[in-house]
Amino acid sequence: MTRKKADLKALLKENEALKKEMQRVLNKEVHEQEMEKLALQNRIAADKIIYLKDMERRLKAMVIEWRKTEDKDKVVKMIHALLFQQKEKITTEKQQKKLNEKFEEVGGEIKIGVKVRMKQNRQVGIVKEIRGKKAVLQVGVMPITVELKDLVVVKDKELPTTTS
């Protein structure tokens, strides 16, 4: 009976050591995730600061223009264009980044069955038919006719595989 108790005691001791090691690894992982989160927040904050400084510089230039010019409507249009085009630009950049995460431009010949992206609105579809200088794309459920010169061949980006 004492042999079984000794084995049990050794197993309990080993279990406790494994539990402590697992907790240490878990704490380390949580810490690393928090550090990544803070680094991402810092990058986002830095991008916002750069954006705000740029907007401040542009708006100051427009205030100077406002004081110098008699044509106030022109300056108002410039301010309007700056503010609203900037929003549009940011939205476009976000869409482009999202697409770049999913697809990779490979170029090459546009033919039936190939996945392509429209240069204009960045939508991705599959070529279903080619009619002279135009292609019929399947984008979602809608077929769309687009000129070949406005298309670029893409492929799905391969996700990095992790081996553990």
N, C-alpha and C. Protein backbone atom coordinates (compact mmCIF):
# COMPACT_ATOMS: atom_id res chain seq x y z
N MET A 1 0.81 -1.19 0.00
CA MET A 1 0.00 0.00 0.00
C MET A 1 0.86 1.26 0.00
N THR A 2 2.00 1.22 0.67
CA THR A 2 2.87 2.40 0.71
C THR A 2 3.45 2.70 -0.66
N ARG A 3 3.65 1.68 -1.49
CA ARG A 3 4.16 1.89 -2.85
C ARG A 3 3.15 2.69 -3.67
N LYS A 4 1.88 2.33 -3.55
CA LYS A 4 0.82 3.04 -4.26
C LYS A 4 0.72 4.48 -3.78
N LYS A 5 0.87 4.67 -2.45
CA LYS A 5 0.82 6.03 -1.90
C LYS A 5 1.99 6.86 -2.42
N ALA A 6 3.15 6.24 -2.50
CA ALA A 6 4.34 6.94 -3.00
C ALA A 6 4.15 7.31 -4.47
N ASP A 7 3.61 6.36 -5.26
CA ASP A 7 3.34 6.64 -6.68
C ASP A 7 2.32 7.76 -6.83
N LEU A 8 1.28 7.69 -6.01
CA LEU A 8 0.24 8.71 -6.05
C LEU A 8 0.80 10.07 -5.66
N LYS A 9 1.62 10.08 -4.63
CA LYS A 9 2.24 11.32 -4.17
C LYS A 9 3.15 11.91 -5.27
N ALA A 10 3.90 11.05 -5.96
CA ALA A 10 4.77 11.49 -7.05
C ALA A 10 3.94 12.05 -8.20
N LEU A 11 2.85 11.37 -8.51
CA LEU A 11 1.97 11.85 -9.57
C LEU A 11 1.33 13.19 -9.21
N LEU A 12 0.91 13.35 -7.95
CA LEU A 12 0.35 14.61 -7.51
C LEU A 12 1.39 15.73 -7.59
N LYS A 13 2.63 15.43 -7.21
CA LYS A 13 3.70 16.41 -7.27
C LYS A 13 3.98 16.81 -8.73
N GLU A 14 4.01 15.80 -9.61
CA GLU A 14 4.24 16.06 -11.04
C GLU A 14 3.08 16.88 -11.62
N ASN A 15 1.85 16.53 -11.20
CA ASN A 15 0.67 17.25 -11.66
C ASN A 15 0.74 18.72 -11.22
N GLU A 16 1.15 18.95 -9.98
CA GLU A 16 1.27 20.31 -9.47
C GLU A 16 2.33 21.10 -10.25
N ALA A 17 3.45 20.44 -10.57
CA ALA A 17 4.51 21.10 -11.35
C ALA A 17 4.01 21.44 -12.75
N LEU A 18 3.27 20.51 -13.36
CA LEU A 18 2.71 20.76 -14.69
C LEU A 18 1.69 21.90 -14.65
N LYS A 19 0.90 21.92 -13.58
CA LYS A 19 -0.09 22.98 -13.43
C LYS A 19 0.59 24.34 -13.32
N LYS A 20 1.67 24.42 -12.53
CA LYS A 20 2.41 25.68 -12.40
C LYS A 20 3.03 26.09 -13.73
N GLU A 21 3.59 25.14 -14.46
CA GLU A 21 4.20 25.43 -15.76
C GLU A 21 3.14 25.91 -16.74
N MET A 22 1.98 25.28 -16.75
CA MET A 22 0.89 25.66 -17.64
C MET A 22 0.42 27.08 -17.30
N GLN A 23 0.32 27.39 -16.01
CA GLN A 23 -0.10 28.73 -15.60
C GLN A 23 0.93 29.77 -16.03
N ARG A 24 2.23 29.42 -15.93
CA ARG A 24 3.29 30.33 -16.35
C ARG A 24 3.20 30.61 -17.85
N VAL A 25 3.00 29.56 -18.63
CA VAL A 25 2.87 29.70 -20.08
C VAL A 25 1.64 30.52 -20.43
N LEU A 26 0.55 30.25 -19.75
CA LEU A 26 -0.69 30.98 -19.99
C LEU A 26 -0.52 32.46 -19.66
N ASN A 27 0.11 32.77 -18.53
CA ASN A 27 0.36 34.16 -18.15
C ASN A 27 1.24 34.85 -19.18
N LYS A 28 2.24 34.14 -19.68
CA LYS A 28 3.14 34.70 -20.68
C LYS A 28 2.37 35.02 -21.97
N GLU A 29 1.49 34.10 -22.38
CA GLU A 29 0.68 34.27 -23.59
C GLU A 29 -0.26 35.47 -23.44
N VAL A 30 -0.90 35.59 -22.30
CA VAL A 30 -1.80 36.71 -22.04
C VAL A 30 -1.01 38.02 -22.10
N HIS A 31 0.17 38.02 -21.50
CA HIS A 31 1.02 39.21 -21.52
C HIS A 31 1.40 39.58 -22.96
N GLU A 32 1.78 38.61 -23.76
CA GLU A 32 2.15 38.87 -25.16
C GLU A 32 0.97 39.42 -25.95
N GLN A 33 -0.21 38.88 -25.71
CA GLN A 33 -1.40 39.38 -26.39
C GLN A 33 -1.69 40.83 -25.99
N GLU A 34 -1.53 41.14 -24.72
CA GLU A 34 -1.74 42.52 -24.25
C GLU A 34 -0.72 43.46 -24.90
N MET A 35 0.53 43.01 -25.02
CA MET A 35 1.56 43.84 -25.64
C MET A 35 1.24 44.08 -27.12
N GLU A 36 0.78 43.05 -27.83
CA GLU A 36 0.39 43.21 -29.23
C GLU A 36 -0.77 44.18 -29.36
N LYS A 37 -1.72 44.06 -28.46
CA LYS A 37 -2.89 44.95 -28.47
C LYS A 37 -2.44 46.41 -28.26
N LEU A 38 -1.55 46.63 -27.29
CA LEU A 38 -1.06 47.98 -27.03
C LEU A 38 -0.27 48.52 -28.22
N ALA A 39 0.54 47.67 -28.84
CA ALA A 39 1.32 48.10 -30.02
C ALA A 39 0.38 48.51 -31.15
N LEU A 40 -0.68 47.74 -31.37
CA LEU A 40 -1.66 48.06 -32.40
C LEU A 40 -2.36 49.38 -32.08
N GLN A 41 -2.74 49.56 -30.83
CA GLN A 41 -3.38 50.81 -30.43
C GLN A 41 -2.44 51.99 -30.64
N ASN A 42 -1.16 51.80 -30.35
CA ASN A 42 -0.18 52.87 -30.55
C ASN A 42 -0.04 53.22 -32.03
N ARG A 43 -0.02 52.18 -32.90
CA ARG A 43 0.06 52.43 -34.34
C ARG A 43 -1.16 53.20 -34.82
N ILE A 44 -2.34 52.80 -34.35
CA ILE A 44 -3.57 53.48 -34.74
C ILE A 44 -3.54 54.93 -34.26
N ALA A 45 -3.10 55.14 -33.02
CA ALA A 45 -3.01 56.50 -32.48
C ALA A 45 -2.01 57.33 -33.29
N ALA A 46 -0.89 56.75 -33.66
CA ALA A 46 0.12 57.47 -34.45
C ALA A 46 -0.46 57.85 -35.81
N ASP A 47 -1.19 56.93 -36.43
CA ASP A 47 -1.83 57.23 -37.72
C ASP A 47 -2.83 58.38 -37.57
N LYS A 48 -3.59 58.37 -36.48
CA LYS A 48 -4.57 59.43 -36.25
C LYS A 48 -3.87 60.77 -36.05
N ILE A 49 -2.76 60.77 -35.32
CA ILE A 49 -2.01 62.01 -35.09
C ILE A 49 -1.49 62.56 -36.41
N ILE A 50 -0.94 61.69 -37.25
CA ILE A 50 -0.45 62.12 -38.56
C ILE A 50 -1.59 62.71 -39.38
N TYR A 51 -2.72 62.02 -39.38
CA TYR A 51 -3.90 62.49 -40.11
C TYR A 51 -4.35 63.87 -39.59
N LEU A 52 -4.43 64.00 -38.27
CA LEU A 52 -4.90 65.27 -37.69
C LEU A 52 -3.94 66.41 -37.97
N LYS A 53 -2.64 66.14 -37.91
CA LYS A 53 -1.65 67.18 -38.22
C LYS A 53 -1.78 67.62 -39.69
N ASP A 54 -1.97 66.65 -40.57
CA ASP A 54 -2.14 66.97 -41.99
C ASP A 54 -3.40 67.81 -42.20
N MET A 55 -4.50 67.41 -41.57
CA MET A 55 -5.75 68.16 -41.70
C MET A 55 -5.59 69.58 -41.12
N GLU A 56 -4.90 69.69 -39.99
CA GLU A 56 -4.68 71.00 -39.38
C GLU A 56 -3.89 71.91 -40.34
N ARG A 57 -2.83 71.36 -40.94
CA ARG A 57 -2.02 72.12 -41.89
C ARG A 57 -2.88 72.59 -43.07
N ARG A 58 -3.69 71.68 -43.61
CA ARG A 58 -4.53 72.03 -44.75
C ARG A 58 -5.58 73.09 -44.38
N LEU A 59 -6.18 72.92 -43.21
CA LEU A 59 -7.21 73.88 -42.79
C LEU A 59 -6.61 75.26 -42.52
N LYS A 60 -5.40 75.28 -41.94
CA LYS A 60 -4.73 76.57 -41.74
C LYS A 60 -4.47 77.26 -43.07
N ALA A 61 -4.05 76.47 -44.06
CA ALA A 61 -3.82 77.03 -45.39
C ALA A 61 -5.11 77.59 -45.97
N MET A 62 -6.22 76.91 -45.70
CA MET A 62 -7.50 77.39 -46.22
C MET A 62 -7.97 78.64 -45.49
N VAL A 63 -7.66 78.76 -44.19
CA VAL A 63 -8.00 79.98 -43.45
C VAL A 63 -7.23 81.16 -44.04
N ILE A 64 -5.95 80.93 -44.33
CA ILE A 64 -5.14 81.98 -44.96
C ILE A 64 -5.74 82.35 -46.31
N GLU A 65 -6.15 81.34 -47.07
CA GLU A 65 -6.78 81.58 -48.38
C GLU A 65 -8.08 82.36 -48.21
N TRP A 66 -8.84 82.02 -47.16
CA TRP A 66 -10.11 82.70 -46.87
C TRP A 66 -9.87 84.20 -46.65
N ARG A 67 -8.83 84.51 -45.89
CA ARG A 67 -8.52 85.92 -45.59
C ARG A 67 -8.05 86.68 -46.83
N LYS A 68 -7.35 85.98 -47.72
CA LYS A 68 -6.75 86.64 -48.89
C LYS A 68 -7.74 86.85 -50.03
N THR A 69 -8.68 85.95 -50.19
CA THR A 69 -9.51 85.96 -51.38
C THR A 69 -10.84 86.67 -51.16
N GLU A 70 -11.37 87.18 -52.27
CA GLU A 70 -12.70 87.79 -52.26
C GLU A 70 -13.76 86.73 -52.52
N ASP A 71 -13.37 85.65 -53.27
CA ASP A 71 -14.31 84.61 -53.67
C ASP A 71 -14.42 83.56 -52.55
N LYS A 72 -15.29 83.85 -51.59
CA LYS A 72 -15.45 82.97 -50.42
C LYS A 72 -16.05 81.62 -50.80
N ASP A 73 -16.91 81.60 -51.83
CA ASP A 73 -17.52 80.34 -52.27
C ASP A 73 -16.45 79.35 -52.70
N LYS A 74 -15.43 79.85 -53.36
CA LYS A 74 -14.34 78.99 -53.84
C LYS A 74 -13.66 78.30 -52.66
N VAL A 75 -13.40 79.06 -51.59
CA VAL A 75 -12.74 78.50 -50.40
C VAL A 75 -13.66 77.51 -49.71
N VAL A 76 -14.94 77.83 -49.62
CA VAL A 76 -15.91 76.91 -49.01
C VAL A 76 -15.92 75.59 -49.78
N LYS A 77 -15.89 75.67 -51.11
CA LYS A 77 -15.86 74.45 -51.93
C LYS A 77 -14.58 73.66 -51.67
N MET A 78 -13.46 74.38 -51.50
CA MET A 78 -12.19 73.70 -51.21
C MET A 78 -12.26 72.96 -49.87
N ILE A 79 -12.83 73.63 -48.86
CA ILE A 79 -12.96 73.02 -47.53
C ILE A 79 -13.88 71.81 -47.62
N HIS A 80 -14.99 71.98 -48.31
CA HIS A 80 -15.95 70.88 -48.47
C HIS A 80 -15.28 69.69 -49.16
N ALA A 81 -14.56 69.96 -50.23
CA ALA A 81 -13.87 68.90 -50.96
C ALA A 81 -12.84 68.21 -50.08
N LEU A 82 -12.09 69.00 -49.31
CA LEU A 82 -11.08 68.42 -48.42
C LEU A 82 -11.71 67.48 -47.41
N LEU A 83 -12.75 67.94 -46.75
CA LEU A 83 -13.35 67.14 -45.69
C LEU A 83 -14.04 65.89 -46.24
N PHE A 84 -14.79 66.03 -47.32
CA PHE A 84 -15.55 64.89 -47.81
C PHE A 84 -14.73 63.95 -48.67
N GLN A 85 -13.79 64.49 -49.44
CA GLN A 85 -12.91 63.61 -50.22
C GLN A 85 -11.99 62.84 -49.30
N GLN A 86 -11.60 63.42 -48.18
CA GLN A 86 -10.74 62.72 -47.22
C GLN A 86 -11.47 61.51 -46.67
N LYS A 87 -12.74 61.67 -46.33
CA LYS A 87 -13.54 60.54 -45.83
C LYS A 87 -13.61 59.44 -46.89
N GLU A 88 -13.87 59.86 -48.13
CA GLU A 88 -13.96 58.91 -49.24
C GLU A 88 -12.63 58.19 -49.43
N LYS A 89 -11.53 58.93 -49.34
CA LYS A 89 -10.19 58.36 -49.51
C LYS A 89 -9.92 57.32 -48.43
N ILE A 90 -10.27 57.64 -47.17
CA ILE A 90 -10.05 56.71 -46.07
C ILE A 90 -10.87 55.44 -46.28
N THR A 91 -12.13 55.59 -46.69
CA THR A 91 -12.99 54.43 -46.96
C THR A 91 -12.39 53.57 -48.07
N THR A 92 -11.92 54.22 -49.13
CA THR A 92 -11.32 53.50 -50.25
C THR A 92 -10.07 52.76 -49.80
N GLU A 93 -9.23 53.42 -48.98
CA GLU A 93 -8.01 52.77 -48.49
C GLU A 93 -8.35 51.55 -47.63
N LYS A 94 -9.38 51.66 -46.80
CA LYS A 94 -9.79 50.52 -45.97
C LYS A 94 -10.26 49.36 -46.85
N GLN A 95 -11.06 49.67 -47.89
CA GLN A 95 -11.53 48.63 -48.79
C GLN A 95 -10.35 47.97 -49.50
N GLN A 96 -9.39 48.79 -49.95
CA GLN A 96 -8.22 48.27 -50.65
C GLN A 96 -7.41 47.36 -49.72
N LYS A 97 -7.24 47.78 -48.48
CA LYS A 97 -6.47 46.98 -47.51
C LYS A 97 -7.16 45.63 -47.29
N LYS A 98 -8.49 45.67 -47.15
CA LYS A 98 -9.25 44.44 -46.94
C LYS A 98 -9.09 43.50 -48.14
N LEU A 99 -9.17 44.07 -49.35
CA LEU A 99 -8.99 43.26 -50.56
C LEU A 99 -7.57 42.71 -50.64
N ASN A 100 -6.58 43.53 -50.28
CA ASN A 100 -5.19 43.08 -50.34
C ASN A 100 -4.93 41.95 -49.37
N GLU A 101 -5.71 41.88 -48.28
CA GLU A 101 -5.56 40.78 -47.34
C GLU A 101 -6.11 39.48 -47.94
N LYS A 102 -7.09 39.57 -48.84
CA LYS A 102 -7.73 38.38 -49.38
C LYS A 102 -7.18 37.97 -50.74
N PHE A 103 -6.79 38.95 -51.57
CA PHE A 103 -6.40 38.66 -52.94
C PHE A 103 -5.03 39.24 -53.26
N GLU A 104 -4.39 38.60 -54.20
CA GLU A 104 -3.06 39.02 -54.63
C GLU A 104 -3.10 39.20 -56.14
N GLU A 105 -2.61 40.35 -56.63
CA GLU A 105 -2.56 40.58 -58.07
C GLU A 105 -1.50 39.68 -58.67
N VAL A 106 -1.88 38.93 -59.71
CA VAL A 106 -0.91 38.06 -60.38
C VAL A 106 -0.72 38.45 -61.83
N GLY A 107 -1.62 39.28 -62.35
CA GLY A 107 -1.52 39.65 -63.76
C GLY A 107 -1.78 38.44 -64.64
N GLY A 108 -1.43 38.55 -65.88
CA GLY A 108 -1.61 37.43 -66.80
C GLY A 108 -2.82 37.61 -67.68
N GLU A 109 -3.10 36.57 -68.44
CA GLU A 109 -4.16 36.62 -69.44
C GLU A 109 -5.53 36.48 -68.79
N ILE A 110 -6.44 37.31 -69.24
CA ILE A 110 -7.82 37.24 -68.76
C ILE A 110 -8.56 36.26 -69.64
N LYS A 111 -9.03 35.17 -69.02
CA LYS A 111 -9.76 34.14 -69.77
C LYS A 111 -10.90 33.61 -68.90
N ILE A 112 -11.76 32.83 -69.50
CA ILE A 112 -12.94 32.30 -68.81
C ILE A 112 -12.50 31.45 -67.62
N GLY A 113 -13.18 31.68 -66.48
CA GLY A 113 -12.90 30.92 -65.27
C GLY A 113 -11.87 31.57 -64.35
N VAL A 114 -11.23 32.65 -64.81
CA VAL A 114 -10.20 33.31 -64.03
C VAL A 114 -10.83 34.33 -63.09
N LYS A 115 -10.25 34.47 -61.89
CA LYS A 115 -10.73 35.47 -60.93
C LYS A 115 -10.03 36.79 -61.24
N VAL A 116 -10.83 37.86 -61.37
CA VAL A 116 -10.29 39.18 -61.71
C VAL A 116 -10.85 40.24 -60.77
N ARG A 117 -10.12 41.38 -60.70
CA ARG A 117 -10.59 42.52 -59.92
C ARG A 117 -10.76 43.69 -60.86
N MET A 118 -11.87 44.40 -60.67
CA MET A 118 -12.10 45.60 -61.47
C MET A 118 -11.24 46.72 -60.90
N LYS A 119 -10.52 47.41 -61.77
CA LYS A 119 -9.63 48.49 -61.32
C LYS A 119 -10.42 49.64 -60.72
N GLN A 120 -11.58 49.92 -61.30
CA GLN A 120 -12.37 51.08 -60.90
C GLN A 120 -12.94 50.95 -59.49
N ASN A 121 -13.75 49.92 -59.25
CA ASN A 121 -14.41 49.82 -57.95
C ASN A 121 -13.88 48.68 -57.08
N ARG A 122 -12.84 48.00 -57.55
CA ARG A 122 -12.11 46.97 -56.80
C ARG A 122 -12.94 45.74 -56.45
N GLN A 123 -14.06 45.54 -57.14
CA GLN A 123 -14.84 44.33 -56.90
C GLN A 123 -14.16 43.16 -57.58
N VAL A 124 -14.30 41.99 -56.98
CA VAL A 124 -13.69 40.78 -57.53
C VAL A 124 -14.79 39.87 -58.05
N GLY A 125 -14.54 39.30 -59.23
CA GLY A 125 -15.50 38.38 -59.82
C GLY A 125 -14.80 37.35 -60.68
N ILE A 126 -15.56 36.44 -61.23
CA ILE A 126 -15.03 35.38 -62.08
C ILE A 126 -15.50 35.62 -63.51
N VAL A 127 -14.55 35.52 -64.45
CA VAL A 127 -14.87 35.74 -65.86
C VAL A 127 -15.72 34.56 -66.34
N LYS A 128 -16.93 34.89 -66.83
CA LYS A 128 -17.85 33.86 -67.34
C LYS A 128 -17.86 33.80 -68.86
N GLU A 129 -17.52 34.96 -69.48
CA GLU A 129 -17.61 35.03 -70.94
C GLU A 129 -16.74 36.20 -71.41
N ILE A 130 -16.16 36.06 -72.61
CA ILE A 130 -15.40 37.16 -73.20
C ILE A 130 -16.05 37.50 -74.53
N ARG A 131 -16.37 38.80 -74.69
CA ARG A 131 -17.02 39.29 -75.92
C ARG A 131 -16.16 40.40 -76.51
N GLY A 132 -15.24 40.06 -77.36
CA GLY A 132 -14.37 41.06 -77.98
C GLY A 132 -13.47 41.70 -76.95
N LYS A 133 -13.67 43.01 -76.72
CA LYS A 133 -12.84 43.75 -75.77
C LYS A 133 -13.50 43.86 -74.40
N LYS A 134 -14.56 43.07 -74.19
CA LYS A 134 -15.28 43.11 -72.91
C LYS A 134 -15.40 41.71 -72.33
N ALA A 135 -15.56 41.67 -71.02
CA ALA A 135 -15.74 40.40 -70.33
C ALA A 135 -17.01 40.48 -69.49
N VAL A 136 -17.70 39.34 -69.38
CA VAL A 136 -18.86 39.24 -68.51
C VAL A 136 -18.37 38.56 -67.23
N LEU A 137 -18.51 39.29 -66.10
CA LEU A 137 -18.06 38.78 -64.80
C LEU A 137 -19.25 38.36 -63.96
N GLN A 138 -19.04 37.36 -63.16
CA GLN A 138 -20.02 36.98 -62.15
C GLN A 138 -19.52 37.57 -60.83
N VAL A 139 -20.20 38.63 -60.36
CA VAL A 139 -19.85 39.27 -59.10
C VAL A 139 -21.02 39.04 -58.16
N GLY A 140 -20.86 38.12 -57.23
CA GLY A 140 -21.99 37.73 -56.38
C GLY A 140 -23.01 37.02 -57.26
N VAL A 141 -24.23 37.53 -57.27
CA VAL A 141 -25.27 36.92 -58.11
C VAL A 141 -25.47 37.67 -59.41
N MET A 142 -24.79 38.82 -59.55
CA MET A 142 -24.99 39.68 -60.71
C MET A 142 -23.92 39.48 -61.78
N PRO A 143 -24.33 39.27 -63.04
CA PRO A 143 -23.35 39.31 -64.12
C PRO A 143 -23.11 40.78 -64.51
N ILE A 144 -21.85 41.14 -64.70
CA ILE A 144 -21.49 42.51 -65.05
C ILE A 144 -20.58 42.48 -66.26
N THR A 145 -20.82 43.37 -67.22
CA THR A 145 -19.96 43.48 -68.40
C THR A 145 -18.96 44.61 -68.17
N VAL A 146 -17.65 44.28 -68.33
CA VAL A 146 -16.58 45.24 -68.06
C VAL A 146 -15.56 45.13 -69.18
N GLU A 147 -14.95 46.27 -69.53
CA GLU A 147 -13.90 46.24 -70.55
C GLU A 147 -12.68 45.51 -70.00
N LEU A 148 -12.03 44.73 -70.87
CA LEU A 148 -10.87 43.94 -70.47
C LEU A 148 -9.75 44.81 -69.90
N LYS A 149 -9.57 46.01 -70.45
CA LYS A 149 -8.49 46.89 -69.99
C LYS A 149 -8.71 47.37 -68.55
N ASP A 150 -9.93 47.25 -68.03
CA ASP A 150 -10.25 47.68 -66.68
C ASP A 150 -10.20 46.53 -65.67
N LEU A 151 -9.60 45.40 -66.07
CA LEU A 151 -9.53 44.23 -65.20
C LEU A 151 -8.08 43.82 -64.96
N VAL A 152 -7.85 43.20 -63.81
CA VAL A 152 -6.54 42.62 -63.51
C VAL A 152 -6.78 41.26 -62.86
N VAL A 153 -5.97 40.28 -63.25
CA VAL A 153 -6.12 38.91 -62.73
C VAL A 153 -5.61 38.87 -61.29
N VAL A 154 -6.38 38.22 -60.42
CA VAL A 154 -5.99 38.06 -59.02
C VAL A 154 -6.13 36.59 -58.63
N LYS A 155 -5.54 36.25 -57.49
CA LYS A 155 -5.75 34.92 -56.92
C LYS A 155 -5.94 35.08 -55.43
N ASP A 156 -6.56 34.08 -54.81
CA ASP A 156 -6.75 34.11 -53.36
C ASP A 156 -5.39 34.04 -52.70
N LYS A 157 -5.19 34.86 -51.68
CA LYS A 157 -3.94 34.79 -50.93
C LYS A 157 -3.98 33.55 -50.07
N GLU A 158 -2.85 32.89 -50.04
CA GLU A 158 -2.76 31.70 -49.19
C GLU A 158 -2.49 32.14 -47.78
N LEU A 159 -3.30 31.62 -46.86
CA LEU A 159 -3.10 31.95 -45.46
C LEU A 159 -1.87 31.21 -44.95
N PRO A 160 -1.04 31.87 -44.16
CA PRO A 160 0.14 31.17 -43.63
C PRO A 160 -0.29 30.02 -42.73
N THR A 161 0.27 28.87 -42.97
CA THR A 161 -0.07 27.71 -42.16
C THR A 161 0.86 27.64 -40.97
N THR A 162 0.27 27.35 -39.82
CA THR A 162 1.08 27.25 -38.61
C THR A 162 1.25 25.78 -38.27
N THR A 163 2.46 25.42 -37.97
CA THR A 163 2.72 24.05 -37.56
C THR A 163 3.00 24.04 -36.08
N SER A 164 2.33 23.15 -35.39
CA SER A 164 2.53 23.10 -33.94
C SER A 164 2.85 21.71 -33.49
